[in-house]
Each structure stands twice: as C-alpha cells, then as structure tokens.
Amino acid sequence: MHPIEKASKDRESLAKEYGVPVSSVVWIGDNKYIVVKEGREIRI
C-alpha cells in the first residue's frame, strides 16, 4: 500500500476514535499524526 493511501486510512480511523472530522487529523509523516480536538493538539 502506498504511504499516502495508508495515511488516508489512518486519518479516517483516528477521526472515528477521537470523535473528530477527518479534517482535524493531520499526517506529519513517518506514521505520525496530530489530532486537533477542542482546540488542543494531540500528537500520535
């Protein structure tokens, strides 16, 4: 699977897990993400 395809699936999964829209999940590379929830950044 291409890294961008994997990141897209991971973003959808994280969005569901944290109860936020997919647009609130940012892929920063190397399998790392930032989830923005209630004005806070959660680094994963």
N, C-alpha and C. Protein backbone atom coordinates (compact mmCIF):
# COMPACT_ATOMS: atom_id res chain seq x y z
N MET A 1 0.85 -1.18 0.00
CA MET A 1 0.00 0.00 0.00
C MET A 1 0.89 1.25 0.00
N HIS A 2 0.53 2.20 -0.80
CA HIS A 2 1.26 3.45 -0.91
C HIS A 2 1.14 4.23 0.41
N PRO A 3 2.21 4.91 0.87
CA PRO A 3 2.16 5.64 2.15
C PRO A 3 1.00 6.64 2.25
N ILE A 4 0.65 7.29 1.16
CA ILE A 4 -0.44 8.27 1.22
C ILE A 4 -1.78 7.55 1.39
N GLU A 5 -1.93 6.39 0.77
CA GLU A 5 -3.16 5.60 0.96
C GLU A 5 -3.28 5.14 2.41
N LYS A 6 -2.16 4.70 2.98
CA LYS A 6 -2.16 4.26 4.38
C LYS A 6 -2.50 5.43 5.29
N ALA A 7 -1.92 6.59 5.03
CA ALA A 7 -2.18 7.77 5.85
C ALA A 7 -3.65 8.16 5.78
N SER A 8 -4.25 8.04 4.62
CA SER A 8 -5.66 8.37 4.46
C SER A 8 -6.53 7.44 5.31
N LYS A 9 -6.23 6.16 5.28
CA LYS A 9 -6.99 5.20 6.09
C LYS A 9 -6.75 5.43 7.57
N ASP A 10 -5.51 5.73 7.95
CA ASP A 10 -5.19 6.01 9.35
C ASP A 10 -5.93 7.26 9.83
N ARG A 11 -6.00 8.29 8.98
CA ARG A 11 -6.70 9.52 9.36
C ARG A 11 -8.17 9.24 9.63
N GLU A 12 -8.80 8.44 8.77
CA GLU A 12 -10.21 8.08 8.97
C GLU A 12 -10.39 7.32 10.28
N SER A 13 -9.51 6.39 10.55
CA SER A 13 -9.58 5.59 11.77
C SER A 13 -9.40 6.47 13.01
N LEU A 14 -8.40 7.34 12.98
CA LEU A 14 -8.15 8.23 14.12
C LEU A 14 -9.30 9.21 14.34
N ALA A 15 -9.89 9.69 13.25
CA ALA A 15 -11.02 10.61 13.36
C ALA A 15 -12.18 9.93 14.09
N LYS A 16 -12.47 8.69 13.74
CA LYS A 16 -13.54 7.95 14.42
C LYS A 16 -13.19 7.73 15.88
N GLU A 17 -11.95 7.33 16.14
CA GLU A 17 -11.51 7.03 17.50
C GLU A 17 -11.62 8.26 18.42
N TYR A 18 -11.25 9.43 17.90
CA TYR A 18 -11.26 10.65 18.71
C TYR A 18 -12.54 11.47 18.57
N GLY A 19 -13.45 11.04 17.71
CA GLY A 19 -14.73 11.73 17.55
C GLY A 19 -14.59 13.11 16.92
N VAL A 20 -13.71 13.21 15.92
CA VAL A 20 -13.49 14.48 15.22
C VAL A 20 -13.62 14.25 13.72
N PRO A 21 -13.83 15.33 12.94
CA PRO A 21 -13.84 15.16 11.48
C PRO A 21 -12.45 14.79 10.96
N VAL A 22 -12.40 14.15 9.82
CA VAL A 22 -11.13 13.74 9.22
C VAL A 22 -10.22 14.96 9.01
N SER A 23 -10.82 16.12 8.74
CA SER A 23 -10.02 17.33 8.52
C SER A 23 -9.28 17.78 9.78
N SER A 24 -9.64 17.23 10.94
CA SER A 24 -8.96 17.56 12.19
C SER A 24 -7.77 16.66 12.47
N VAL A 25 -7.49 15.74 11.55
CA VAL A 25 -6.35 14.82 11.70
C VAL A 25 -5.33 15.17 10.62
N VAL A 26 -4.11 15.50 11.05
CA VAL A 26 -3.06 15.92 10.12
C VAL A 26 -1.93 14.90 10.15
N TRP A 27 -1.58 14.39 8.98
CA TRP A 27 -0.45 13.47 8.85
C TRP A 27 0.82 14.30 8.76
N ILE A 28 1.79 14.06 9.65
CA ILE A 28 3.04 14.81 9.61
C ILE A 28 4.21 13.95 9.15
N GLY A 29 3.91 12.76 8.65
CA GLY A 29 4.95 11.90 8.10
C GLY A 29 5.43 10.86 9.09
N ASP A 30 6.13 9.88 8.59
CA ASP A 30 6.69 8.80 9.42
C ASP A 30 5.68 8.20 10.38
N ASN A 31 4.44 7.98 9.90
CA ASN A 31 3.38 7.38 10.72
C ASN A 31 3.07 8.19 11.97
N LYS A 32 3.21 9.51 11.88
CA LYS A 32 2.90 10.41 12.99
C LYS A 32 1.77 11.34 12.56
N TYR A 33 0.91 11.64 13.52
CA TYR A 33 -0.28 12.45 13.24
C TYR A 33 -0.49 13.46 14.35
N ILE A 34 -1.23 14.51 14.03
CA ILE A 34 -1.72 15.45 15.02
C ILE A 34 -3.24 15.44 14.91
N VAL A 35 -3.91 15.24 16.03
CA VAL A 35 -5.37 15.32 16.09
C VAL A 35 -5.71 16.61 16.82
N VAL A 36 -6.53 17.44 16.21
CA VAL A 36 -6.96 18.67 16.85
C VAL A 36 -8.37 18.44 17.38
N LYS A 37 -8.50 18.50 18.69
CA LYS A 37 -9.79 18.28 19.33
C LYS A 37 -9.99 19.32 20.41
N GLU A 38 -11.09 20.04 20.31
CA GLU A 38 -11.45 21.08 21.28
C GLU A 38 -10.32 22.08 21.46
N GLY A 39 -9.68 22.46 20.37
CA GLY A 39 -8.63 23.47 20.39
C GLY A 39 -7.29 22.97 20.91
N ARG A 40 -7.16 21.69 21.14
CA ARG A 40 -5.90 21.13 21.64
C ARG A 40 -5.30 20.21 20.59
N GLU A 41 -3.97 20.17 20.55
CA GLU A 41 -3.27 19.26 19.65
C GLU A 41 -2.89 18.00 20.42
N ILE A 42 -3.24 16.87 19.84
CA ILE A 42 -2.85 15.58 20.40
C ILE A 42 -1.91 14.93 19.41
N ARG A 43 -0.66 14.75 19.80
CA ARG A 43 0.33 14.15 18.89
C ARG A 43 0.32 12.63 19.05
N ILE A 44 0.26 11.96 17.92
CA ILE A 44 0.20 10.50 17.92
C ILE A 44 1.32 9.96 17.04
